N, C-alpha and C. Protein backbone atom coordinates (compact mmCIF):
# COMPACT_ATOMS: atom_id res chain seq x y z
N MET A 1 24.73 12.52 34.72
CA MET A 1 24.30 11.20 35.15
C MET A 1 22.82 10.98 34.88
N ILE A 2 22.02 12.01 35.21
CA ILE A 2 20.57 11.89 34.99
C ILE A 2 20.27 11.76 33.50
N LEU A 3 21.03 12.49 32.67
CA LEU A 3 20.79 12.41 31.22
C LEU A 3 21.10 11.01 30.70
N ARG A 4 22.12 10.37 31.24
CA ARG A 4 22.45 9.00 30.81
C ARG A 4 21.34 8.03 31.19
N VAL A 5 20.79 8.20 32.38
CA VAL A 5 19.69 7.34 32.82
C VAL A 5 18.46 7.57 31.94
N LEU A 6 18.15 8.84 31.66
CA LEU A 6 17.01 9.14 30.79
C LEU A 6 17.24 8.61 29.37
N THR A 7 18.46 8.72 28.88
CA THR A 7 18.77 8.20 27.56
C THR A 7 18.62 6.68 27.53
N LEU A 8 19.10 6.01 28.55
CA LEU A 8 18.94 4.56 28.64
C LEU A 8 17.46 4.19 28.71
N ALA A 9 16.68 4.95 29.49
CA ALA A 9 15.24 4.70 29.58
C ALA A 9 14.58 4.89 28.22
N GLY A 10 15.00 5.91 27.49
CA GLY A 10 14.47 6.13 26.14
C GLY A 10 14.80 4.98 25.22
N GLY A 11 16.02 4.46 25.34
CA GLY A 11 16.41 3.31 24.54
C GLY A 11 15.58 2.08 24.88
N LEU A 12 15.37 1.85 26.17
CA LEU A 12 14.56 0.70 26.59
C LEU A 12 13.12 0.84 26.14
N ALA A 13 12.57 2.05 26.26
CA ALA A 13 11.19 2.28 25.81
C ALA A 13 11.08 2.06 24.30
N GLY A 14 12.04 2.57 23.56
CA GLY A 14 12.04 2.37 22.11
C GLY A 14 12.15 0.90 21.75
N GLY A 15 13.02 0.19 22.47
CA GLY A 15 13.19 -1.25 22.22
C GLY A 15 11.93 -2.03 22.52
N LEU A 16 11.29 -1.71 23.63
CA LEU A 16 10.05 -2.39 24.00
C LEU A 16 8.96 -2.14 22.97
N ALA A 17 8.82 -0.88 22.56
CA ALA A 17 7.78 -0.53 21.58
C ALA A 17 8.05 -1.19 20.23
N ALA A 18 9.26 -1.10 19.74
CA ALA A 18 9.57 -1.65 18.41
C ALA A 18 9.50 -3.17 18.40
N SER A 19 9.78 -3.82 19.52
CA SER A 19 9.76 -5.28 19.56
C SER A 19 8.36 -5.84 19.34
N GLN A 20 7.34 -5.00 19.51
CA GLN A 20 5.96 -5.47 19.36
C GLN A 20 5.48 -5.42 17.91
N PHE A 21 6.23 -4.78 17.03
CA PHE A 21 5.79 -4.64 15.64
C PHE A 21 5.52 -5.96 14.93
N PRO A 22 6.43 -6.95 15.02
CA PRO A 22 6.14 -8.20 14.28
C PRO A 22 4.81 -8.84 14.67
N GLU A 23 4.51 -8.89 15.95
CA GLU A 23 3.26 -9.51 16.40
C GLU A 23 2.05 -8.66 16.01
N PHE A 24 2.16 -7.34 16.19
CA PHE A 24 1.04 -6.48 15.82
C PHE A 24 0.76 -6.57 14.33
N SER A 25 1.82 -6.54 13.51
CA SER A 25 1.60 -6.59 12.06
C SER A 25 0.98 -7.92 11.65
N GLN A 26 1.33 -9.00 12.35
CA GLN A 26 0.72 -10.30 12.05
C GLN A 26 -0.77 -10.27 12.41
N GLN A 27 -1.11 -9.72 13.56
CA GLN A 27 -2.52 -9.64 13.95
C GLN A 27 -3.29 -8.72 13.01
N TYR A 28 -2.66 -7.63 12.57
CA TYR A 28 -3.31 -6.74 11.61
C TYR A 28 -3.59 -7.51 10.32
N MET A 29 -2.62 -8.29 9.86
CA MET A 29 -2.82 -9.04 8.63
C MET A 29 -3.95 -10.06 8.76
N GLN A 30 -4.08 -10.67 9.92
CA GLN A 30 -5.18 -11.62 10.12
C GLN A 30 -6.53 -10.90 10.01
N ARG A 31 -6.63 -9.74 10.62
CA ARG A 31 -7.87 -8.97 10.52
C ARG A 31 -8.09 -8.48 9.08
N LEU A 32 -7.01 -8.09 8.43
CA LEU A 32 -7.10 -7.65 7.04
C LEU A 32 -7.63 -8.77 6.15
N GLY A 33 -7.12 -9.98 6.35
CA GLY A 33 -7.60 -11.13 5.58
C GLY A 33 -9.07 -11.39 5.82
N GLY A 34 -9.51 -11.27 7.05
CA GLY A 34 -10.93 -11.46 7.36
C GLY A 34 -11.80 -10.40 6.70
N ALA A 35 -11.32 -9.16 6.72
CA ALA A 35 -12.08 -8.07 6.08
C ALA A 35 -12.18 -8.29 4.58
N VAL A 36 -11.07 -8.70 3.96
CA VAL A 36 -11.08 -8.96 2.52
C VAL A 36 -12.03 -10.11 2.19
N ASP A 37 -12.01 -11.16 3.00
CA ASP A 37 -12.92 -12.29 2.76
C ASP A 37 -14.38 -11.85 2.83
N GLU A 38 -14.72 -11.08 3.85
CA GLU A 38 -16.11 -10.64 4.01
C GLU A 38 -16.53 -9.69 2.89
N LEU A 39 -15.65 -8.75 2.54
CA LEU A 39 -16.00 -7.83 1.46
C LEU A 39 -16.10 -8.56 0.12
N THR A 40 -15.26 -9.56 -0.08
CA THR A 40 -15.33 -10.36 -1.31
C THR A 40 -16.67 -11.08 -1.39
N ARG A 41 -17.12 -11.61 -0.27
CA ARG A 41 -18.43 -12.28 -0.24
C ARG A 41 -19.53 -11.29 -0.62
N GLN A 42 -19.47 -10.07 -0.11
CA GLN A 42 -20.47 -9.06 -0.44
C GLN A 42 -20.43 -8.70 -1.93
N VAL A 43 -19.22 -8.50 -2.45
CA VAL A 43 -19.08 -8.12 -3.85
C VAL A 43 -19.57 -9.25 -4.76
N GLN A 44 -19.32 -10.48 -4.37
CA GLN A 44 -19.83 -11.61 -5.16
C GLN A 44 -21.36 -11.61 -5.16
N ARG A 45 -21.96 -11.24 -4.05
CA ARG A 45 -23.41 -11.14 -4.00
C ARG A 45 -23.90 -10.02 -4.91
N PHE A 46 -23.18 -8.87 -4.92
CA PHE A 46 -23.54 -7.78 -5.82
C PHE A 46 -23.44 -8.24 -7.28
N GLU A 47 -22.35 -8.96 -7.59
CA GLU A 47 -22.16 -9.46 -8.96
C GLU A 47 -23.26 -10.44 -9.35
N ALA A 48 -23.67 -11.29 -8.42
CA ALA A 48 -24.76 -12.25 -8.69
C ALA A 48 -26.08 -11.51 -8.94
N ASP A 49 -26.33 -10.47 -8.16
CA ASP A 49 -27.54 -9.67 -8.37
C ASP A 49 -27.51 -9.02 -9.75
N ALA A 50 -26.35 -8.50 -10.13
CA ALA A 50 -26.21 -7.87 -11.45
C ALA A 50 -26.41 -8.90 -12.56
N ALA A 51 -25.81 -10.06 -12.40
CA ALA A 51 -25.94 -11.12 -13.41
C ALA A 51 -27.38 -11.60 -13.54
N ALA A 52 -28.12 -11.60 -12.44
CA ALA A 52 -29.51 -12.05 -12.46
C ALA A 52 -30.39 -11.18 -13.34
N VAL A 53 -29.99 -9.91 -13.50
CA VAL A 53 -30.76 -9.03 -14.37
C VAL A 53 -30.04 -8.78 -15.69
N GLY A 54 -29.00 -9.57 -15.94
CA GLY A 54 -28.29 -9.50 -17.22
C GLY A 54 -27.35 -8.33 -17.40
N LEU A 55 -26.79 -7.82 -16.30
CA LEU A 55 -25.88 -6.67 -16.38
C LEU A 55 -24.53 -6.98 -15.75
N GLU A 56 -23.51 -6.25 -16.20
CA GLU A 56 -22.23 -6.26 -15.51
C GLU A 56 -22.37 -5.36 -14.28
N LEU A 57 -21.50 -5.56 -13.32
CA LEU A 57 -21.63 -4.83 -12.05
C LEU A 57 -21.61 -3.31 -12.23
N PRO A 58 -20.67 -2.73 -13.01
CA PRO A 58 -20.70 -1.25 -13.15
C PRO A 58 -22.02 -0.74 -13.74
N ALA A 59 -22.55 -1.44 -14.75
CA ALA A 59 -23.82 -1.03 -15.36
C ALA A 59 -24.96 -1.19 -14.36
N TYR A 60 -24.90 -2.24 -13.57
CA TYR A 60 -25.92 -2.49 -12.54
C TYR A 60 -25.94 -1.34 -11.53
N LEU A 61 -24.75 -0.90 -11.09
CA LEU A 61 -24.67 0.21 -10.13
C LEU A 61 -25.20 1.50 -10.75
N ASP A 62 -24.86 1.75 -12.01
CA ASP A 62 -25.36 2.96 -12.69
C ASP A 62 -26.89 2.93 -12.78
N ARG A 63 -27.42 1.79 -13.15
CA ARG A 63 -28.87 1.68 -13.29
C ARG A 63 -29.58 1.82 -11.94
N LEU A 64 -28.96 1.22 -10.92
CA LEU A 64 -29.52 1.32 -9.57
C LEU A 64 -29.53 2.78 -9.11
N ALA A 65 -28.43 3.48 -9.37
CA ALA A 65 -28.33 4.89 -8.95
C ALA A 65 -29.37 5.76 -9.63
N ALA A 66 -29.83 5.37 -10.82
CA ALA A 66 -30.81 6.16 -11.56
C ALA A 66 -32.24 5.93 -11.06
N GLU A 67 -32.43 4.97 -10.17
CA GLU A 67 -33.78 4.61 -9.69
C GLU A 67 -34.37 5.62 -8.72
N GLY A 68 -33.55 6.45 -8.12
CA GLY A 68 -34.07 7.41 -7.15
C GLY A 68 -33.09 7.59 -6.00
N PRO A 69 -33.38 8.51 -5.08
CA PRO A 69 -32.43 8.83 -4.00
C PRO A 69 -32.06 7.64 -3.11
N LEU A 70 -33.01 6.83 -2.76
CA LEU A 70 -32.73 5.69 -1.89
C LEU A 70 -31.84 4.68 -2.60
N ALA A 71 -32.18 4.36 -3.82
CA ALA A 71 -31.39 3.41 -4.60
C ALA A 71 -30.02 3.99 -4.94
N GLU A 72 -29.99 5.31 -5.17
CA GLU A 72 -28.71 5.96 -5.45
C GLU A 72 -27.77 5.83 -4.26
N ARG A 73 -28.30 6.03 -3.08
CA ARG A 73 -27.50 5.87 -1.84
C ARG A 73 -26.99 4.45 -1.71
N GLN A 74 -27.84 3.48 -2.02
CA GLN A 74 -27.43 2.07 -1.97
C GLN A 74 -26.33 1.79 -2.97
N ALA A 75 -26.43 2.34 -4.17
CA ALA A 75 -25.41 2.14 -5.20
C ALA A 75 -24.07 2.75 -4.76
N GLU A 76 -24.13 3.92 -4.12
CA GLU A 76 -22.91 4.56 -3.60
C GLU A 76 -22.26 3.69 -2.54
N ASN A 77 -23.06 3.14 -1.63
CA ASN A 77 -22.53 2.26 -0.59
C ASN A 77 -21.90 1.01 -1.19
N MET A 78 -22.54 0.47 -2.19
CA MET A 78 -22.00 -0.73 -2.84
C MET A 78 -20.67 -0.40 -3.53
N ALA A 79 -20.63 0.74 -4.23
CA ALA A 79 -19.39 1.15 -4.90
C ALA A 79 -18.27 1.37 -3.88
N HIS A 80 -18.62 1.94 -2.72
CA HIS A 80 -17.64 2.15 -1.66
C HIS A 80 -17.10 0.80 -1.15
N ASP A 81 -17.99 -0.17 -0.94
CA ASP A 81 -17.56 -1.50 -0.48
C ASP A 81 -16.66 -2.18 -1.51
N ILE A 82 -16.99 -2.02 -2.78
CA ILE A 82 -16.17 -2.62 -3.84
C ILE A 82 -14.79 -1.98 -3.85
N ALA A 83 -14.73 -0.65 -3.77
CA ALA A 83 -13.44 0.05 -3.77
C ALA A 83 -12.62 -0.33 -2.53
N ARG A 84 -13.26 -0.44 -1.39
CA ARG A 84 -12.55 -0.82 -0.16
C ARG A 84 -12.00 -2.24 -0.27
N ARG A 85 -12.82 -3.14 -0.81
CA ARG A 85 -12.35 -4.52 -1.00
C ARG A 85 -11.12 -4.54 -1.91
N ASP A 86 -11.15 -3.78 -3.00
CA ASP A 86 -10.02 -3.74 -3.92
C ASP A 86 -8.77 -3.19 -3.25
N ARG A 87 -8.93 -2.13 -2.47
CA ARG A 87 -7.79 -1.52 -1.77
C ARG A 87 -7.20 -2.47 -0.73
N LEU A 88 -8.08 -3.08 0.07
CA LEU A 88 -7.61 -3.99 1.12
C LEU A 88 -7.00 -5.25 0.52
N ALA A 89 -7.57 -5.74 -0.58
CA ALA A 89 -7.01 -6.93 -1.24
C ALA A 89 -5.61 -6.62 -1.77
N ALA A 90 -5.41 -5.42 -2.30
CA ALA A 90 -4.08 -5.03 -2.77
C ALA A 90 -3.10 -4.95 -1.60
N ASP A 91 -3.54 -4.40 -0.47
CA ASP A 91 -2.68 -4.35 0.72
C ASP A 91 -2.33 -5.76 1.19
N LEU A 92 -3.32 -6.63 1.23
CA LEU A 92 -3.08 -8.01 1.67
C LEU A 92 -2.12 -8.72 0.73
N ALA A 93 -2.28 -8.52 -0.58
CA ALA A 93 -1.37 -9.15 -1.54
C ALA A 93 0.06 -8.65 -1.35
N ALA A 94 0.22 -7.36 -1.09
CA ALA A 94 1.56 -6.81 -0.89
C ALA A 94 2.20 -7.37 0.38
N LEU A 95 1.40 -7.59 1.42
CA LEU A 95 1.93 -8.05 2.70
C LEU A 95 2.03 -9.57 2.82
N ALA A 96 1.29 -10.29 2.00
CA ALA A 96 1.17 -11.74 2.15
C ALA A 96 2.52 -12.46 2.08
N GLU A 97 3.35 -12.07 1.19
CA GLU A 97 4.64 -12.74 1.01
C GLU A 97 5.76 -12.10 1.82
N ALA A 98 5.46 -11.00 2.49
CA ALA A 98 6.49 -10.25 3.22
C ALA A 98 6.69 -10.82 4.62
N GLY A 99 7.95 -10.91 5.01
CA GLY A 99 8.27 -11.27 6.38
C GLY A 99 8.19 -10.02 7.25
N PRO A 100 8.49 -10.15 8.54
CA PRO A 100 8.36 -9.01 9.46
C PRO A 100 9.22 -7.81 9.07
N PHE A 101 10.43 -8.06 8.55
CA PHE A 101 11.29 -6.93 8.19
C PHE A 101 10.73 -6.21 6.97
N MET A 102 10.25 -6.96 6.00
CA MET A 102 9.67 -6.34 4.81
C MET A 102 8.34 -5.68 5.15
N ARG A 103 7.58 -6.24 6.10
CA ARG A 103 6.32 -5.59 6.51
C ARG A 103 6.61 -4.22 7.11
N ALA A 104 7.73 -4.07 7.80
CA ALA A 104 8.09 -2.75 8.33
C ALA A 104 8.33 -1.78 7.18
N ARG A 105 8.94 -2.26 6.12
CA ARG A 105 9.18 -1.42 4.95
C ARG A 105 7.87 -1.10 4.23
N LEU A 106 6.92 -2.02 4.29
CA LEU A 106 5.62 -1.85 3.64
C LEU A 106 4.55 -1.36 4.62
N ALA A 107 4.96 -0.65 5.65
CA ALA A 107 4.04 -0.24 6.72
C ALA A 107 2.87 0.59 6.21
N THR A 108 2.99 1.23 5.06
CA THR A 108 1.87 2.00 4.53
C THR A 108 0.69 1.10 4.17
N HIS A 109 0.95 -0.20 4.00
CA HIS A 109 -0.12 -1.14 3.72
C HIS A 109 -0.83 -1.60 5.00
N LEU A 110 -0.39 -1.08 6.13
CA LEU A 110 -1.03 -1.38 7.42
C LEU A 110 -1.86 -0.18 7.87
N GLY A 111 -2.50 0.48 6.94
CA GLY A 111 -3.08 1.77 7.26
C GLY A 111 -4.58 1.90 7.27
N ASP A 112 -5.34 0.83 7.18
CA ASP A 112 -6.79 0.99 7.24
C ASP A 112 -7.19 1.34 8.66
N PRO A 113 -7.82 2.50 8.88
CA PRO A 113 -8.10 2.94 10.25
C PRO A 113 -9.01 1.99 11.03
N ARG A 114 -10.01 1.41 10.38
CA ARG A 114 -10.92 0.52 11.10
C ARG A 114 -10.22 -0.76 11.52
N ILE A 115 -9.44 -1.33 10.62
CA ILE A 115 -8.73 -2.57 10.94
C ILE A 115 -7.66 -2.28 11.99
N TRP A 116 -6.96 -1.15 11.83
CA TRP A 116 -5.92 -0.76 12.79
C TRP A 116 -6.52 -0.64 14.20
N ALA A 117 -7.65 0.03 14.30
CA ALA A 117 -8.28 0.24 15.61
C ALA A 117 -8.69 -1.08 16.23
N ARG A 118 -9.29 -1.97 15.45
CA ARG A 118 -9.73 -3.27 15.99
C ARG A 118 -8.52 -4.13 16.37
N ALA A 119 -7.47 -4.11 15.59
CA ALA A 119 -6.27 -4.87 15.94
C ALA A 119 -5.64 -4.30 17.21
N ARG A 120 -5.62 -3.00 17.33
CA ARG A 120 -5.04 -2.36 18.52
C ARG A 120 -5.85 -2.68 19.76
N GLU A 121 -7.19 -2.73 19.63
CA GLU A 121 -8.05 -3.02 20.78
C GLU A 121 -7.77 -4.40 21.37
N THR A 122 -7.49 -5.35 20.52
CA THR A 122 -7.32 -6.73 21.00
C THR A 122 -5.86 -7.14 21.14
N PHE A 123 -4.94 -6.27 20.75
CA PHE A 123 -3.52 -6.61 20.80
C PHE A 123 -3.03 -6.72 22.24
N LYS A 124 -2.30 -7.78 22.51
CA LYS A 124 -1.66 -7.98 23.81
C LYS A 124 -0.15 -8.02 23.57
N PRO A 125 0.60 -7.13 24.21
CA PRO A 125 2.06 -7.15 24.03
C PRO A 125 2.63 -8.52 24.39
N ALA A 126 3.66 -8.88 23.67
CA ALA A 126 4.29 -10.18 23.88
C ALA A 126 5.79 -10.00 24.06
N VAL A 127 6.41 -10.93 24.74
CA VAL A 127 7.85 -10.90 24.89
C VAL A 127 8.45 -11.29 23.53
N PRO A 128 9.41 -10.50 23.02
CA PRO A 128 9.98 -10.81 21.72
C PRO A 128 10.89 -12.03 21.78
N ALA A 129 10.32 -13.20 21.55
CA ALA A 129 11.08 -14.44 21.65
C ALA A 129 11.57 -14.93 20.29
N THR A 130 11.32 -14.16 19.25
CA THR A 130 11.77 -14.55 17.92
C THR A 130 12.93 -13.67 17.49
N PHE A 131 13.62 -14.11 16.47
CA PHE A 131 14.72 -13.32 15.92
C PHE A 131 14.22 -11.94 15.49
N GLU A 132 13.04 -11.92 14.85
CA GLU A 132 12.49 -10.66 14.38
C GLU A 132 12.18 -9.73 15.56
N GLY A 133 11.57 -10.28 16.60
CA GLY A 133 11.24 -9.46 17.76
C GLY A 133 12.47 -8.88 18.42
N VAL A 134 13.50 -9.70 18.58
CA VAL A 134 14.75 -9.22 19.18
C VAL A 134 15.41 -8.18 18.28
N SER A 135 15.36 -8.39 16.98
CA SER A 135 15.94 -7.43 16.04
C SER A 135 15.22 -6.09 16.11
N PHE A 136 13.89 -6.14 16.13
CA PHE A 136 13.14 -4.90 16.25
C PHE A 136 13.40 -4.24 17.61
N ALA A 137 13.53 -5.04 18.66
CA ALA A 137 13.82 -4.48 19.98
C ALA A 137 15.17 -3.76 19.98
N GLY A 138 16.18 -4.39 19.38
CA GLY A 138 17.50 -3.77 19.31
C GLY A 138 17.47 -2.48 18.50
N THR A 139 16.77 -2.51 17.39
CA THR A 139 16.66 -1.31 16.56
C THR A 139 15.92 -0.21 17.31
N GLY A 140 14.85 -0.57 17.98
CA GLY A 140 14.10 0.41 18.75
C GLY A 140 14.92 0.99 19.89
N PHE A 141 15.71 0.12 20.54
CA PHE A 141 16.58 0.60 21.61
C PHE A 141 17.56 1.62 21.07
N LEU A 142 18.22 1.28 19.97
CA LEU A 142 19.20 2.21 19.39
C LEU A 142 18.54 3.52 18.96
N ALA A 143 17.35 3.42 18.36
CA ALA A 143 16.66 4.64 17.92
C ALA A 143 16.27 5.50 19.12
N GLY A 144 15.74 4.89 20.17
CA GLY A 144 15.36 5.65 21.36
C GLY A 144 16.56 6.26 22.04
N TRP A 145 17.62 5.49 22.17
CA TRP A 145 18.84 5.97 22.81
C TRP A 145 19.46 7.10 22.00
N ALA A 146 19.60 6.88 20.70
CA ALA A 146 20.22 7.89 19.84
C ALA A 146 19.37 9.15 19.79
N GLY A 147 18.06 9.00 19.70
CA GLY A 147 17.19 10.17 19.64
C GLY A 147 17.31 11.03 20.88
N LEU A 148 17.24 10.41 22.03
CA LEU A 148 17.37 11.19 23.27
C LEU A 148 18.78 11.73 23.45
N SER A 149 19.79 10.98 23.03
CA SER A 149 21.16 11.48 23.11
C SER A 149 21.32 12.74 22.28
N LEU A 150 20.76 12.74 21.09
CA LEU A 150 20.84 13.93 20.23
C LEU A 150 20.11 15.11 20.85
N VAL A 151 18.93 14.87 21.36
CA VAL A 151 18.14 15.95 21.97
C VAL A 151 18.87 16.51 23.19
N PHE A 152 19.33 15.63 24.08
CA PHE A 152 20.01 16.10 25.28
C PHE A 152 21.35 16.76 24.95
N GLY A 153 22.05 16.23 23.95
CA GLY A 153 23.31 16.85 23.53
C GLY A 153 23.08 18.25 22.99
N PHE A 154 22.05 18.40 22.17
CA PHE A 154 21.71 19.70 21.63
C PHE A 154 21.34 20.67 22.75
N LEU A 155 20.50 20.21 23.67
CA LEU A 155 20.09 21.08 24.78
C LEU A 155 21.28 21.47 25.66
N ALA A 156 22.19 20.54 25.89
CA ALA A 156 23.37 20.83 26.72
C ALA A 156 24.24 21.88 26.03
N ARG A 157 24.46 21.72 24.72
CA ARG A 157 25.28 22.72 23.99
C ARG A 157 24.59 24.08 23.98
N LEU A 158 23.29 24.07 23.78
CA LEU A 158 22.55 25.32 23.80
C LEU A 158 22.67 25.98 25.16
N TRP A 159 22.52 25.22 26.21
CA TRP A 159 22.64 25.75 27.57
C TRP A 159 24.02 26.36 27.82
N HIS A 160 25.07 25.63 27.42
CA HIS A 160 26.43 26.14 27.63
C HIS A 160 26.69 27.39 26.80
N THR A 161 26.20 27.43 25.58
CA THR A 161 26.37 28.60 24.72
C THR A 161 25.65 29.80 25.32
N LEU A 162 24.41 29.61 25.75
CA LEU A 162 23.66 30.71 26.36
C LEU A 162 24.31 31.17 27.66
N ARG A 163 24.82 30.23 28.40
CA ARG A 163 25.46 30.56 29.67
C ARG A 163 26.71 31.41 29.44
N ARG A 164 27.54 31.00 28.44
CA ARG A 164 28.75 31.77 28.11
C ARG A 164 28.39 33.17 27.62
N SER A 165 27.36 33.23 26.76
CA SER A 165 26.93 34.55 26.25
C SER A 165 26.44 35.44 27.39
N PHE A 166 25.74 34.87 28.33
CA PHE A 166 25.24 35.64 29.45
C PHE A 166 26.39 36.12 30.33
N ARG A 167 27.40 35.26 30.53
CA ARG A 167 28.55 35.65 31.37
C ARG A 167 29.33 36.78 30.71
N ARG A 168 29.48 36.71 29.38
CA ARG A 168 30.21 37.75 28.66
C ARG A 168 29.46 39.07 28.71
N ALA A 169 28.16 39.02 28.67
CA ALA A 169 27.33 40.23 28.66
C ALA A 169 27.35 40.91 30.03
N VAL A 170 27.59 40.15 31.06
CA VAL A 170 27.54 40.74 32.40
C VAL A 170 28.83 41.35 32.80
């Protein structure tokens, strides 16, 4: 009886947790879009600086890096910002056309640690009032219920097997 209650609780916990994915992924995407916009603005400024001295951006960064340790550090930071913008823009493009179910499949594109942390800090759980939320809740319930059922079933069989072996040995 207790195992059934625990299994049901696991299913409910799984359902509650999974039902929040559509809203969290939407908030993550909003933050991702903001980060891409800001990094794009920075990269455009870098490109304008490069154009002002008659260079393409990669040549500008190489020349800047050759100026000395301080300028080299600045060039590395700029290259890092450019690479991050490119990576985040690719993630945003992959997620932009995806609905909640496809975003779950593309969850690897929800992986920037800084954006994830900021989205998590401000995320407020919501009641799943959409089809997607209810679908994720049902899937989470089944996963939680099935997972605990398997674990408890395995432990029960192990217990009975060990108990029989112990009785035979005595």
